[in-house]
Amino acid sequence: MRPKARSPALPSESAAPSWHTLAAERVLTELASGHEGLSNAEAERRLKAHGANELRTAAGASAWRHLLRQFANVLIVILLIATAISAWLGHTLEAVAIAVIVLFAVLLGFFQEFRAEKAMEALRKMAAPNATVLRDGQEILAPARQLVPGDIVLLHAGDKVPADCRLLEAVNLEAEEAALTGESVPVAKSTAPLGHAKTPLGDRVNMAFGGTSVTQGRGRAVVVSTGMDSEFGRIVTLLKDAAPHKTPLQQNLDKVGGNLAVAALLIVAVIMAAGVWRGEPVIDMLIFSIALAVAVVPEALPAVVTISLSIGAQRMIRRNA
């Protein structure tokens, strides 16, 4: 039956029941919906209350900021100083070689970091563009971003699930949920309620999650969560709120760079002091000590580390990691 004319308050996300533990009719009652779906007026009201069914991501850093961030590395800074000193001493070939290595390491790091930030954008692209929904008892094709809790959607093989739903009907229905649960094979769906509220996502066979795909069969479901309240929305929230931390490898490289910088300064000071004490010209000793300090810096270390990590990643990809 259709929902009543009045607009009952729906349960908030924090107070929402565990939909997979409720019988189908109880879910419809909780959502003030029915087998014929919502009316257009009620759907519009809920859309204003809940917002569009889409993942919202914060604006990422610009490409220039990603590029500049690559220079916030002790070894890179030391190598740039070494490049300048080598050029000043007239060692053009050495200066060009070091500059090429620095450029390679910076650009490779930039592309890897820029590509990693596209993870949230990839999640957004997994959302279904349209959905088959019942409004006023009529089957229509509507933009998925306009779905609201309580909408009745129809699922068919090949469809992307437009939002998190509780299944009301499932006929040979299977869904591919690897992106969300890691399950490598399609999951057979059913409509019977489950007994435990803390059942893992992969075992909630009476639910269909937004962003997953129907591989076979057909079904009918009621939308229970949309947008940022969906399971994919929670992943996006975690990605947005995650504080950036340096990996142990990055910390070790920074430590090595700091130690090398200290060692270089000590070499300059010791050589300068020893040469001046022996009566050598100050300018000659300065050039000699700087040259030794430049030699301390492992110019190829950032490139070697980056190339090694890239080769390892490619090998993992070839083995379907």
C-alpha atoms as a PDB file:
ATOM      1  CA  MET A   1       0.000   0.000   0.000  1.00  0.00           C
ATOM      2  CA  ARG A   2       1.045   3.607  -0.458  1.00  0.00           C
ATOM      3  CA  PRO A   3       2.418   5.644   2.410  1.00  0.00           C
ATOM      4  CA  LYS A   4      -0.007   7.806   4.325  1.00  0.00           C
ATOM      5  CA  ALA A   5      -0.374  11.453   3.484  1.00  0.00           C
ATOM      6  CA  ARG A   6       1.439  12.564   6.609  1.00  0.00           C
ATOM      7  CA  SER A   7       5.261  12.448   6.630  1.00  0.00           C
ATOM      8  CA  PRO A   8       6.444  10.421   9.600  1.00  0.00           C
ATOM      9  CA  ALA A   9       9.964  10.978  10.855  1.00  0.00           C
ATOM     10  CA  LEU A  10      12.378   8.357   9.602  1.00  0.00           C
ATOM     11  CA  PRO A  11      14.988   6.872  11.940  1.00  0.00           C
ATOM     12  CA  SER A  12      18.243   8.833  11.938  1.00  0.00           C
ATOM     13  CA  GLU A  13      21.395   7.066  10.769  1.00  0.00           C
ATOM     14  CA  SER A  14      22.709   6.720  14.328  1.00  0.00           C
ATOM     15  CA  ALA A  15      19.353   5.342  15.544  1.00  0.00           C
ATOM     16  CA  ALA A  16      18.602   3.249  12.460  1.00  0.00           C
ATOM     17  CA  PRO A  17      17.880  -0.427  13.173  1.00  0.00           C
ATOM     18  CA  SER A  18      19.987  -3.245  11.790  1.00  0.00           C
ATOM     19  CA  TRP A  19      17.991  -3.634   8.602  1.00  0.00           C
ATOM     20  CA  HIS A  20      19.283  -7.124   7.869  1.00  0.00           C
ATOM     21  CA  THR A  21      17.778  -8.430  11.129  1.00  0.00           C
ATOM     22  CA  LEU A  22      14.244  -7.212  10.368  1.00  0.00           C
ATOM     23  CA  ALA A  23      11.547  -8.925   8.329  1.00  0.00           C
ATOM     24  CA  ALA A  24      10.782  -7.254   4.998  1.00  0.00           C
ATOM     25  CA  GLU A  25       7.381  -5.946   6.114  1.00  0.00           C
ATOM     26  CA  ARG A  26       8.912  -4.478   9.282  1.00  0.00           C
ATOM     27  CA  VAL A  27      11.503  -2.652   7.185  1.00  0.00           C
ATOM     28  CA  LEU A  28       8.762  -1.109   5.054  1.00  0.00           C
ATOM     29  CA  THR A  29       6.929  -0.027   8.193  1.00  0.00           C
ATOM     30  CA  GLU A  30      10.057   1.547   9.702  1.00  0.00           C
ATOM     31  CA  LEU A  31      10.668   3.478   6.496  1.00  0.00           C
ATOM     32  CA  ALA A  32       7.011   4.473   6.077  1.00  0.00           C
ATOM     33  CA  SER A  33       6.990   2.924   2.627  1.00  0.00           C
ATOM     34  CA  GLY A  34       5.036   0.235   0.791  1.00  0.00           C
ATOM     35  CA  HIS A  35       5.250  -2.228  -2.067  1.00  0.00           C
ATOM     36  CA  GLU A  36       4.029   0.426  -4.519  1.00  0.00           C
ATOM     37  CA  GLY A  37       6.810   2.786  -3.564  1.00  0.00           C
ATOM     38  CA  LEU A  38       6.681   6.411  -2.462  1.00  0.00           C
ATOM     39  CA  SER A  39       4.652   9.169  -3.974  1.00  0.00           C
ATOM     40  CA  ASN A  40       6.509  11.811  -5.978  1.00  0.00           C
ATOM     41  CA  ALA A  41       5.682  14.455  -3.350  1.00  0.00           C
ATOM     42  CA  GLU A  42       6.987  12.314  -0.482  1.00  0.00           C
ATOM     43  CA  ALA A  43      10.144  11.404  -2.431  1.00  0.00           C
ATOM     44  CA  GLU A  44      10.801  15.103  -3.055  1.00  0.00           C
ATOM     45  CA  ARG A  45      10.358  15.903   0.630  1.00  0.00           C
ATOM     46  CA  ARG A  46      12.764  13.150   1.652  1.00  0.00           C
ATOM     47  CA  LEU A  47      15.277  14.255  -0.956  1.00  0.00           C
ATOM     48  CA  LYS A  48      15.369  17.693   0.648  1.00  0.00           C
ATOM     49  CA  ALA A  49      15.751  16.127   4.098  1.00  0.00           C
ATOM     50  CA  HIS A  50      18.413  13.522   3.270  1.00  0.00           C
ATOM     51  CA  GLY A  51      20.217  15.159   0.382  1.00  0.00           C
ATOM     52  CA  ALA A  52      21.233  13.691  -2.953  1.00  0.00           C
ATOM     53  CA  ASN A  53      22.270  10.062  -3.192  1.00  0.00           C
ATOM     54  CA  GLU A  54      25.891  10.742  -4.098  1.00  0.00           C
ATOM     55  CA  LEU A  55      29.320  10.551  -2.511  1.00  0.00           C
ATOM     56  CA  ARG A  56      30.743  13.896  -1.466  1.00  0.00           C
ATOM     57  CA  THR A  57      34.494  14.291  -1.509  1.00  0.00           C
ATOM     58  CA  ALA A  58      36.588  17.216  -0.387  1.00  0.00           C
ATOM     59  CA  ALA A  59      38.489  19.112  -3.037  1.00  0.00           C
ATOM     60  CA  GLY A  60      41.888  17.517  -3.397  1.00  0.00           C
ATOM     61  CA  ALA A  61      45.192  19.306  -3.508  1.00  0.00           C
ATOM     62  CA  SER A  62      46.151  20.895  -6.814  1.00  0.00           C
ATOM     63  CA  ALA A  63      48.680  19.277  -9.118  1.00  0.00           C
ATOM     64  CA  TRP A  64      51.171  22.047  -8.328  1.00  0.00           C
ATOM     65  CA  ARG A  65      50.872  21.378  -4.611  1.00  0.00           C
ATOM     66  CA  HIS A  66      51.489  17.675  -5.191  1.00  0.00           C
ATOM     67  CA  LEU A  67      54.567  18.560  -7.225  1.00  0.00           C
ATOM     68  CA  LEU A  68      55.951  20.977  -4.640  1.00  0.00           C
ATOM     69  CA  ARG A  69      55.335  18.415  -1.896  1.00  0.00           C
ATOM     70  CA  GLN A  70      57.922  16.128  -3.512  1.00  0.00           C
ATOM     71  CA  PHE A  71      60.645  18.639  -2.612  1.00  0.00           C
ATOM     72  CA  ALA A  72      59.790  18.413   1.114  1.00  0.00           C
ATOM     73  CA  ASN A  73      62.292  15.594   1.433  1.00  0.00           C
ATOM     74  CA  VAL A  74      65.680  15.888   3.102  1.00  0.00           C
ATOM     75  CA  LEU A  75      67.507  13.835   0.480  1.00  0.00           C
ATOM     76  CA  ILE A  76      65.957  15.783  -2.393  1.00  0.00           C
ATOM     77  CA  VAL A  77      66.957  19.072  -0.755  1.00  0.00           C
ATOM     78  CA  ILE A  78      70.523  17.821  -0.227  1.00  0.00           C
ATOM     79  CA  LEU A  79      70.704  16.690  -3.845  1.00  0.00           C
ATOM     80  CA  LEU A  80      69.511  20.092  -5.051  1.00  0.00           C
ATOM     81  CA  ILE A  81      72.190  21.754  -2.941  1.00  0.00           C
ATOM     82  CA  ALA A  82      74.724  19.306  -4.345  1.00  0.00           C
ATOM     83  CA  THR A  83      73.587  20.212  -7.873  1.00  0.00           C
ATOM     84  CA  ALA A  84      74.050  23.921  -7.209  1.00  0.00           C
ATOM     85  CA  ILE A  85      77.466  23.404  -5.621  1.00  0.00           C
ATOM     86  CA  SER A  86      78.625  21.141  -8.446  1.00  0.00           C
ATOM     87  CA  ALA A  87      77.562  23.751 -11.003  1.00  0.00           C
ATOM     88  CA  TRP A  88      79.293  26.500  -9.018  1.00  0.00           C
ATOM     89  CA  LEU A  89      82.509  24.470  -8.912  1.00  0.00           C
ATOM     90  CA  GLY A  90      82.356  24.048 -12.677  1.00  0.00           C
ATOM     91  CA  HIS A  91      81.471  20.348 -12.657  1.00  0.00           C
ATOM     92  CA  THR A  92      78.742  20.709 -15.270  1.00  0.00           C
ATOM     93  CA  LEU A  93      78.438  17.024 -16.139  1.00  0.00           C
ATOM     94  CA  GLU A  94      78.024  16.000 -12.500  1.00  0.00           C
ATOM     95  CA  ALA A  95      75.490  18.788 -11.929  1.00  0.00           C
ATOM     96  CA  VAL A  96      73.382  17.721 -14.912  1.00  0.00           C
ATOM     97  CA  ALA A  97      73.507  14.043 -13.888  1.00  0.00           C
ATOM     98  CA  ILE A  98      72.343  14.832 -10.337  1.00  0.00           C
ATOM     99  CA  ALA A  99      69.607  17.163 -11.663  1.00  0.00           C
ATOM    100  CA  VAL A 100      68.266  14.448 -13.984  1.00  0.00           C
ATOM    101  CA  ILE A 101      68.111  11.947 -11.106  1.00  0.00           C
ATOM    102  CA  VAL A 102      66.312  14.473  -8.894  1.00  0.00           C
ATOM    103  CA  LEU A 103      63.840  15.269 -11.679  1.00  0.00           C
ATOM    104  CA  PHE A 104      63.134  11.582 -12.262  1.00  0.00           C
ATOM    105  CA  ALA A 105      62.537  10.870  -8.565  1.00  0.00           C
ATOM    106  CA  VAL A 106      60.318  13.941  -8.132  1.00  0.00           C
ATOM    107  CA  LEU A 107      58.163  13.250 -11.202  1.00  0.00           C
ATOM    108  CA  LEU A 108      57.725   9.563 -10.380  1.00  0.00           C
ATOM    109  CA  GLY A 109      56.732  10.378  -6.806  1.00  0.00           C
ATOM    110  CA  PHE A 110      54.333  13.053  -8.084  1.00  0.00           C
ATOM    111  CA  PHE A 111      52.525  10.713 -10.474  1.00  0.00           C
ATOM    112  CA  GLN A 112      52.214   7.970  -7.842  1.00  0.00           C
ATOM    113  CA  GLU A 113      50.806  10.349  -5.204  1.00  0.00           C
ATOM    114  CA  PHE A 114      48.470  12.074  -7.668  1.00  0.00           C
ATOM    115  CA  ARG A 115      47.125   8.723  -8.831  1.00  0.00           C
ATOM    116  CA  ALA A 116      46.606   7.530  -5.240  1.00  0.00           C
ATOM    117  CA  GLU A 117      44.442  10.579  -4.472  1.00  0.00           C
ATOM    118  CA  LYS A 118      42.058   9.492  -7.221  1.00  0.00           C
ATOM    119  CA  ALA A 119      40.865   6.609  -5.029  1.00  0.00           C
ATOM    120  CA  MET A 120      37.824   8.552  -3.789  1.00  0.00           C
ATOM    121  CA  GLU A 121      37.022   9.688  -7.311  1.00  0.00           C
ATOM    122  CA  ALA A 122      37.090   6.037  -8.367  1.00  0.00           C
ATOM    123  CA  LEU A 123      34.534   5.242  -5.657  1.00  0.00           C
ATOM    124  CA  ARG A 124      32.261   7.962  -6.995  1.00  0.00           C
ATOM    125  CA  LYS A 125      32.456   6.516 -10.497  1.00  0.00           C
ATOM    126  CA  MET A 126      31.236   3.175  -9.146  1.00  0.00           C
ATOM    127  CA  ALA A 127      27.830   4.705  -8.386  1.00  0.00           C
ATOM    128  CA  ALA A 128      24.959   3.816 -10.703  1.00  0.00           C
ATOM    129  CA  PRO A 129      23.861   6.704 -12.988  1.00  0.00           C
ATOM    130  CA  ASN A 130      20.197   5.600 -13.151  1.00  0.00           C
ATOM    131  CA  ALA A 131      17.844   3.275 -11.317  1.00  0.00           C
ATOM    132  CA  THR A 132      14.505   1.595 -11.972  1.00  0.00           C
ATOM    133  CA  VAL A 133      12.238   2.799  -9.168  1.00  0.00           C
ATOM    134  CA  LEU A 134       8.534   2.643  -8.264  1.00  0.00           C
ATOM    135  CA  ARG A 135       6.862   6.017  -7.741  1.00  0.00           C
ATOM    136  CA  ASP A 136       3.119   6.199  -7.202  1.00  0.00           C
ATOM    137  CA  GLY A 137       2.997   2.548  -8.188  1.00  0.00           C
ATOM    138  CA  GLN A 138       4.538   3.277 -11.591  1.00  0.00           C
ATOM    139  CA  GLU A 139       7.851   1.845 -12.776  1.00  0.00           C
ATOM    140  CA  ILE A 140      10.126   4.680 -13.949  1.00  0.00           C
ATOM    141  CA  LEU A 141      13.802   5.201 -14.765  1.00  0.00           C
ATOM    142  CA  ALA A 142      15.148   7.926 -12.491  1.00  0.00           C
ATOM    143  CA  PRO A 143      18.604   9.380 -11.787  1.00  0.00           C
ATOM    144  CA  ALA A 144      20.158   7.393  -8.958  1.00  0.00           C
ATOM    145  CA  ARG A 145      21.128  10.628  -7.165  1.00  0.00           C
ATOM    146  CA  GLN A 146      17.391  11.291  -6.573  1.00  0.00           C
ATOM    147  CA  LEU A 147      16.781   8.085  -4.619  1.00  0.00           C
ATOM    148  CA  VAL A 148      15.736   8.401  -0.986  1.00  0.00           C
ATOM    149  CA  PRO A 149      15.237   5.971   1.925  1.00  0.00           C
ATOM    150  CA  GLY A 150      11.950   4.169   1.397  1.00  0.00           C
ATOM    151  CA  ASP A 151      12.162   4.053  -2.400  1.00  0.00           C
ATOM    152  CA  ILE A 152      11.413   0.682  -3.996  1.00  0.00           C
ATOM    153  CA  VAL A 153      13.974  -0.233  -6.667  1.00  0.00           C
ATOM    154  CA  LEU A 154      13.980  -3.082  -9.168  1.00  0.00           C
ATOM    155  CA  LEU A 155      17.220  -4.956  -9.790  1.00  0.00           C
ATOM    156  CA  HIS A 156      18.123  -6.967 -12.878  1.00  0.00           C
ATOM    157  CA  ALA A 157      21.225  -8.763 -14.119  1.00  0.00           C
ATOM    158  CA  GLY A 158      23.789  -6.215 -15.279  1.00  0.00           C
ATOM    159  CA  ASP A 159      22.482  -3.406 -13.060  1.00  0.00           C
ATOM    160  CA  LYS A 160      24.575  -1.483 -10.601  1.00  0.00           C
ATOM    161  CA  VAL A 161      22.922  -1.283  -7.203  1.00  0.00           C
ATOM    162  CA  PRO A 162      22.090   2.440  -6.767  1.00  0.00           C
ATOM    163  CA  ALA A 163      22.033   2.572  -2.940  1.00  0.00           C
ATOM    164  CA  ASP A 164      22.124   0.345   0.132  1.00  0.00           C
ATOM    165  CA  CYS A 165      18.923  -1.707   0.056  1.00  0.00           C
ATOM    166  CA  ARG A 166      17.064  -4.377   2.017  1.00  0.00           C
ATOM    167  CA  LEU A 167      15.866  -7.066  -0.373  1.00  0.00           C
ATOM    168  CA  LEU A 168      12.124  -7.714  -0.512  1.00  0.00           C
ATOM    169  CA  GLU A 169      12.220 -10.198  -3.376  1.00  0.00           C
ATOM    170  CA  ALA A 170      15.100 -12.213  -4.852  1.00  0.00           C
ATOM    171  CA  VAL A 171      14.831 -14.641  -7.767  1.00  0.00           C
ATOM    172  CA  ASN A 172      18.174 -16.346  -8.470  1.00  0.00           C
ATOM    173  CA  LEU A 173      19.710 -13.034  -7.495  1.00  0.00           C
ATOM    174  CA  GLU A 174      23.493 -12.788  -7.181  1.00  0.00           C
ATOM    175  CA  ALA A 175      25.695  -9.736  -6.717  1.00  0.00           C
ATOM    176  CA  GLU A 176      29.402  -9.090  -7.182  1.00  0.00           C
ATOM    177  CA  GLU A 177      30.622  -7.320  -4.013  1.00  0.00           C
ATOM    178  CA  ALA A 178      34.413  -7.636  -4.289  1.00  0.00           C
ATOM    179  CA  ALA A 179      34.991  -3.871  -4.181  1.00  0.00           C
ATOM    180  CA  LEU A 180      33.238  -3.619  -0.813  1.00  0.00           C
ATOM    181  CA  THR A 181      33.737  -6.935   0.974  1.00  0.00           C
ATOM    182  CA  GLY A 182      36.618  -8.565  -0.909  1.00  0.00           C
ATOM    183  CA  GLU A 183      34.461 -11.575  -1.756  1.00  0.00           C
ATOM    184  CA  SER A 184      35.946 -12.972  -4.968  1.00  0.00           C
ATOM    185  CA  VAL A 185      32.800 -14.716  -6.251  1.00  0.00           C
ATOM    186  CA  PRO A 186      29.232 -13.414  -6.661  1.00  0.00           C
ATOM    187  CA  VAL A 187      27.079 -13.701  -3.542  1.00  0.00           C
ATOM    188  CA  ALA A 188      23.699 -15.465  -3.709  1.00  0.00           C
ATOM    189  CA  LYS A 189      20.986 -13.269  -2.218  1.00  0.00           C
ATOM    190  CA  SER A 190      17.879 -14.087  -0.197  1.00  0.00           C
ATOM    191  CA  THR A 191      15.187 -12.175   1.694  1.00  0.00           C
ATOM    192  CA  ALA A 192      15.025 -13.940   5.073  1.00  0.00           C
ATOM    193  CA  PRO A 193      16.036 -11.838   8.096  1.00  0.00           C
ATOM    194  CA  LEU A 194      19.341 -12.623   9.785  1.00  0.00           C
ATOM    195  CA  GLY A 195      19.719 -13.282  13.471  1.00  0.00           C
ATOM    196  CA  HIS A 196      22.719 -11.168  14.502  1.00  0.00           C
ATOM    197  CA  ALA A 197      23.057  -7.395  14.299  1.00  0.00           C
ATOM    198  CA  LYS A 198      26.852  -7.633  13.956  1.00  0.00           C
ATOM    199  CA  THR A 199      26.788  -9.979  10.973  1.00  0.00           C
ATOM    200  CA  PRO A 200      29.733  -9.010   8.687  1.00  0.00           C
ATOM    201  CA  LEU A 201      28.873  -7.158   5.496  1.00  0.00           C
ATOM    202  CA  GLY A 202      29.895 -10.089   3.337  1.00  0.00           C
ATOM    203  CA  ASP A 203      27.367 -12.329   5.097  1.00  0.00           C
ATOM    204  CA  ARG A 204      24.409  -9.939   4.912  1.00  0.00           C
ATOM    205  CA  VAL A 205      22.847 -11.844   2.043  1.00  0.00           C
ATOM    206  CA  ASN A 206      19.496 -10.054   2.360  1.00  0.00           C
ATOM    207  CA  MET A 207      21.118  -6.708   1.612  1.00  0.00           C
ATOM    208  CA  ALA A 208      22.302  -5.135  -1.648  1.00  0.00           C
ATOM    209  CA  PHE A 209      24.932  -2.431  -1.353  1.00  0.00           C
ATOM    210  CA  GLY A 210      25.328   0.647  -3.503  1.00  0.00           C
ATOM    211  CA  GLY A 211      28.225   0.443  -5.953  1.00  0.00           C
ATOM    212  CA  THR A 212      28.059  -3.347  -6.296  1.00  0.00           C
ATOM    213  CA  SER A 213      26.756  -5.122  -9.416  1.00  0.00           C
ATOM    214  CA  VAL A 214      23.973  -7.633 -10.047  1.00  0.00           C
ATOM    215  CA  THR A 215      25.443 -10.582 -11.939  1.00  0.00           C
ATOM    216  CA  GLN A 216      22.296 -12.645 -12.417  1.00  0.00           C
ATOM    217  CA  GLY A 217      18.641 -12.939 -11.469  1.00  0.00           C
ATOM    218  CA  ARG A 218      16.255 -10.197 -10.494  1.00  0.00           C
ATOM    219  CA  GLY A 219      15.021  -8.637  -7.296  1.00  0.00           C
ATOM    220  CA  ARG A 220      13.014  -5.936  -5.601  1.00  0.00           C
ATOM    221  CA  ALA A 221      14.422  -3.941  -2.695  1.00  0.00           C
ATOM    222  CA  VAL A 222      13.713  -0.960  -0.482  1.00  0.00           C
ATOM    223  CA  VAL A 223      16.388   1.726  -0.105  1.00  0.00           C
ATOM    224  CA  VAL A 224      17.599   2.048   3.493  1.00  0.00           C
ATOM    225  CA  SER A 225      20.701   4.269   3.160  1.00  0.00           C
ATOM    226  CA  THR A 226      21.854   6.741   0.529  1.00  0.00           C
ATOM    227  CA  GLY A 227      24.872   8.907  -0.210  1.00  0.00           C
ATOM    228  CA  MET A 228      27.352   9.316   2.621  1.00  0.00           C
ATOM    229  CA  ASP A 229      25.229   7.103   4.919  1.00  0.00           C
ATOM    230  CA  SER A 230      25.835   4.090   2.658  1.00  0.00           C
ATOM    231  CA  GLU A 231      28.672   1.621   3.179  1.00  0.00           C
ATOM    232  CA  PHE A 232      30.707   3.159   0.349  1.00  0.00           C
ATOM    233  CA  GLY A 233      29.975   6.571   1.867  1.00  0.00           C
ATOM    234  CA  ARG A 234      31.547   5.435   5.117  1.00  0.00           C
ATOM    235  CA  ILE A 235      34.664   4.370   3.228  1.00  0.00           C
ATOM    236  CA  VAL A 236      34.879   7.817   1.627  1.00  0.00           C
ATOM    237  CA  THR A 237      34.487   9.414   5.075  1.00  0.00           C
ATOM    238  CA  LEU A 238      37.358   7.307   6.405  1.00  0.00           C
ATOM    239  CA  LEU A 239      39.531   8.305   3.443  1.00  0.00           C
ATOM    240  CA  LYS A 240      38.750  12.000   3.951  1.00  0.00           C
ATOM    241  CA  ASP A 241      39.391  11.877   7.707  1.00  0.00           C
ATOM    242  CA  ALA A 242      42.568   9.805   7.481  1.00  0.00           C
ATOM    243  CA  ALA A 243      45.556  11.881   8.588  1.00  0.00           C
ATOM    244  CA  PRO A 244      48.555  11.584   6.263  1.00  0.00           C
ATOM    245  CA  HIS A 245      51.389   9.650   7.847  1.00  0.00           C
ATOM    246  CA  LYS A 246      54.821   8.883   6.511  1.00  0.00           C
ATOM    247  CA  THR A 247      55.576   5.236   5.918  1.00  0.00           C
ATOM    248  CA  PRO A 248      58.467   3.594   7.814  1.00  0.00           C
ATOM    249  CA  LEU A 249      60.492   3.693   4.588  1.00  0.00           C
ATOM    250  CA  GLN A 250      59.929   7.439   4.219  1.00  0.00           C
ATOM    251  CA  GLN A 251      60.876   7.972   7.854  1.00  0.00           C
ATOM    252  CA  ASN A 252      64.059   5.961   7.413  1.00  0.00           C
ATOM    253  CA  LEU A 253      64.996   7.868   4.263  1.00  0.00           C
ATOM    254  CA  ASP A 254      64.445  11.175   6.062  1.00  0.00           C
ATOM    255  CA  LYS A 255      66.616   9.941   8.913  1.00  0.00           C
ATOM    256  CA  VAL A 256      69.359   8.893   6.490  1.00  0.00           C
ATOM    257  CA  GLY A 257      69.144  12.265   4.771  1.00  0.00           C
ATOM    258  CA  GLY A 258      69.430  14.102   8.079  1.00  0.00           C
ATOM    259  CA  ASN A 259      72.427  12.038   9.137  1.00  0.00           C
ATOM    260  CA  LEU A 260      74.111  12.662   5.774  1.00  0.00           C
ATOM    261  CA  ALA A 261      73.504  16.396   6.093  1.00  0.00           C
ATOM    262  CA  VAL A 262      75.139  16.405   9.537  1.00  0.00           C
ATOM    263  CA  ALA A 263      78.027  14.309   8.215  1.00  0.00           C
ATOM    264  CA  ALA A 264      78.516  16.696   5.288  1.00  0.00           C
ATOM    265  CA  LEU A 265      78.668  19.719   7.599  1.00  0.00           C
ATOM    266  CA  LEU A 266      81.164  17.962   9.890  1.00  0.00           C
ATOM    267  CA  ILE A 267      83.364  17.119   6.907  1.00  0.00           C
ATOM    268  CA  VAL A 268      83.355  20.720   5.757  1.00  0.00           C
ATOM    269  CA  ALA A 269      84.214  21.963   9.246  1.00  0.00           C
ATOM    270  CA  VAL A 270      86.974  19.406   9.884  1.00  0.00           C
ATOM    271  CA  ILE A 271      88.640  19.779   6.467  1.00  0.00           C
ATOM    272  CA  MET A 272      88.451  23.556   6.631  1.00  0.00           C
ATOM    273  CA  ALA A 273      89.924  23.639  10.128  1.00  0.00           C
ATOM    274  CA  ALA A 274      92.699  21.182   9.282  1.00  0.00           C
ATOM    275  CA  GLY A 275      93.652  22.987   6.081  1.00  0.00           C
ATOM    276  CA  VAL A 276      93.685  26.443   7.654  1.00  0.00           C
ATOM    277  CA  TRP A 277      95.727  25.081  10.589  1.00  0.00           C
ATOM    278  CA  ARG A 278      98.325  23.774   8.060  1.00  0.00           C
ATOM    279  CA  GLY A 279      98.424  27.177   6.352  1.00  0.00           C
ATOM    280  CA  GLU A 280      96.553  26.272   3.161  1.00  0.00           C
ATOM    281  CA  PRO A 281      94.638  29.046   1.319  1.00  0.00           C
ATOM    282  CA  VAL A 282      91.155  29.438   2.764  1.00  0.00           C
ATOM    283  CA  ILE A 283      89.377  29.501  -0.616  1.00  0.00           C
ATOM    284  CA  ASP A 284      91.132  26.326  -1.776  1.00  0.00           C
ATOM    285  CA  MET A 285      90.215  24.520   1.401  1.00  0.00           C
ATOM    286  CA  LEU A 286      86.615  25.713   1.121  1.00  0.00           C
ATOM    287  CA  ILE A 287      86.284  24.321  -2.415  1.00  0.00           C
ATOM    288  CA  PHE A 288      87.984  21.064  -1.433  1.00  0.00           C
ATOM    289  CA  SER A 289      85.839  20.520   1.676  1.00  0.00           C
ATOM    290  CA  ILE A 290      82.621  21.312  -0.237  1.00  0.00           C
ATOM    291  CA  ALA A 291      83.572  18.808  -2.918  1.00  0.00           C
ATOM    292  CA  LEU A 292      84.035  16.146  -0.245  1.00  0.00           C
ATOM    293  CA  ALA A 293      80.699  17.054   1.301  1.00  0.00           C
ATOM    294  CA  VAL A 294      78.982  16.651  -2.074  1.00  0.00           C
ATOM    295  CA  ALA A 295      80.587  13.216  -2.422  1.00  0.00           C
ATOM    296  CA  VAL A 296      78.886  12.124   0.824  1.00  0.00           C
ATOM    297  CA  VAL A 297      75.427  12.522  -0.730  1.00  0.00           C
ATOM    298  CA  PRO A 298      74.131   9.325  -2.454  1.00  0.00           C
ATOM    299  CA  GLU A 299      72.673  10.998  -5.530  1.00  0.00           C
ATOM    300  CA  ALA A 300      71.101   7.789  -6.854  1.00  0.00           C
ATOM    301  CA  LEU A 301      69.392   6.733  -3.604  1.00  0.00           C
ATOM    302  CA  PRO A 302      65.959   8.341  -4.251  1.00  0.00           C
ATOM    303  CA  ALA A 303      65.922   7.004  -7.801  1.00  0.00           C
ATOM    304  CA  VAL A 304      67.004   3.520  -6.732  1.00  0.00           C
ATOM    305  CA  VAL A 305      64.353   3.355  -3.990  1.00  0.00           C
ATOM    306  CA  THR A 306      61.595   4.651  -6.291  1.00  0.00           C
ATOM    307  CA  ILE A 307      62.509   2.288  -9.123  1.00  0.00           C
ATOM    308  CA  SER A 308      62.700  -0.673  -6.729  1.00  0.00           C
ATOM    309  CA  LEU A 309      59.237   0.073  -5.325  1.00  0.00           C
ATOM    310  CA  SER A 310      57.791   0.504  -8.825  1.00  0.00           C
ATOM    311  CA  ILE A 311      59.238  -2.815  -9.998  1.00  0.00           C
ATOM    312  CA  GLY A 312      57.838  -4.522  -6.900  1.00  0.00           C
ATOM    313  CA  ALA A 313      54.395  -3.038  -7.520  1.00  0.00           C
ATOM    314  CA  GLN A 314      54.444  -4.201 -11.140  1.00  0.00           C
ATOM    315  CA  ARG A 315      55.357  -7.734 -10.063  1.00  0.00           C
ATOM    316  CA  MET A 316      52.493  -7.767  -7.563  1.00  0.00           C
ATOM    317  CA  ILE A 317      50.077  -6.617 -10.277  1.00  0.00           C
ATOM    318  CA  ARG A 318      51.225  -9.384 -12.617  1.00  0.00           C
ATOM    319  CA  ARG A 319      50.481 -11.889  -9.859  1.00  0.00           C
ATOM    320  CA  ASN A 320      46.984 -10.407  -9.352  1.00  0.00           C
ATOM    321  CA  ALA A 321      47.765  -9.078  -5.869  1.00  0.00           C
END
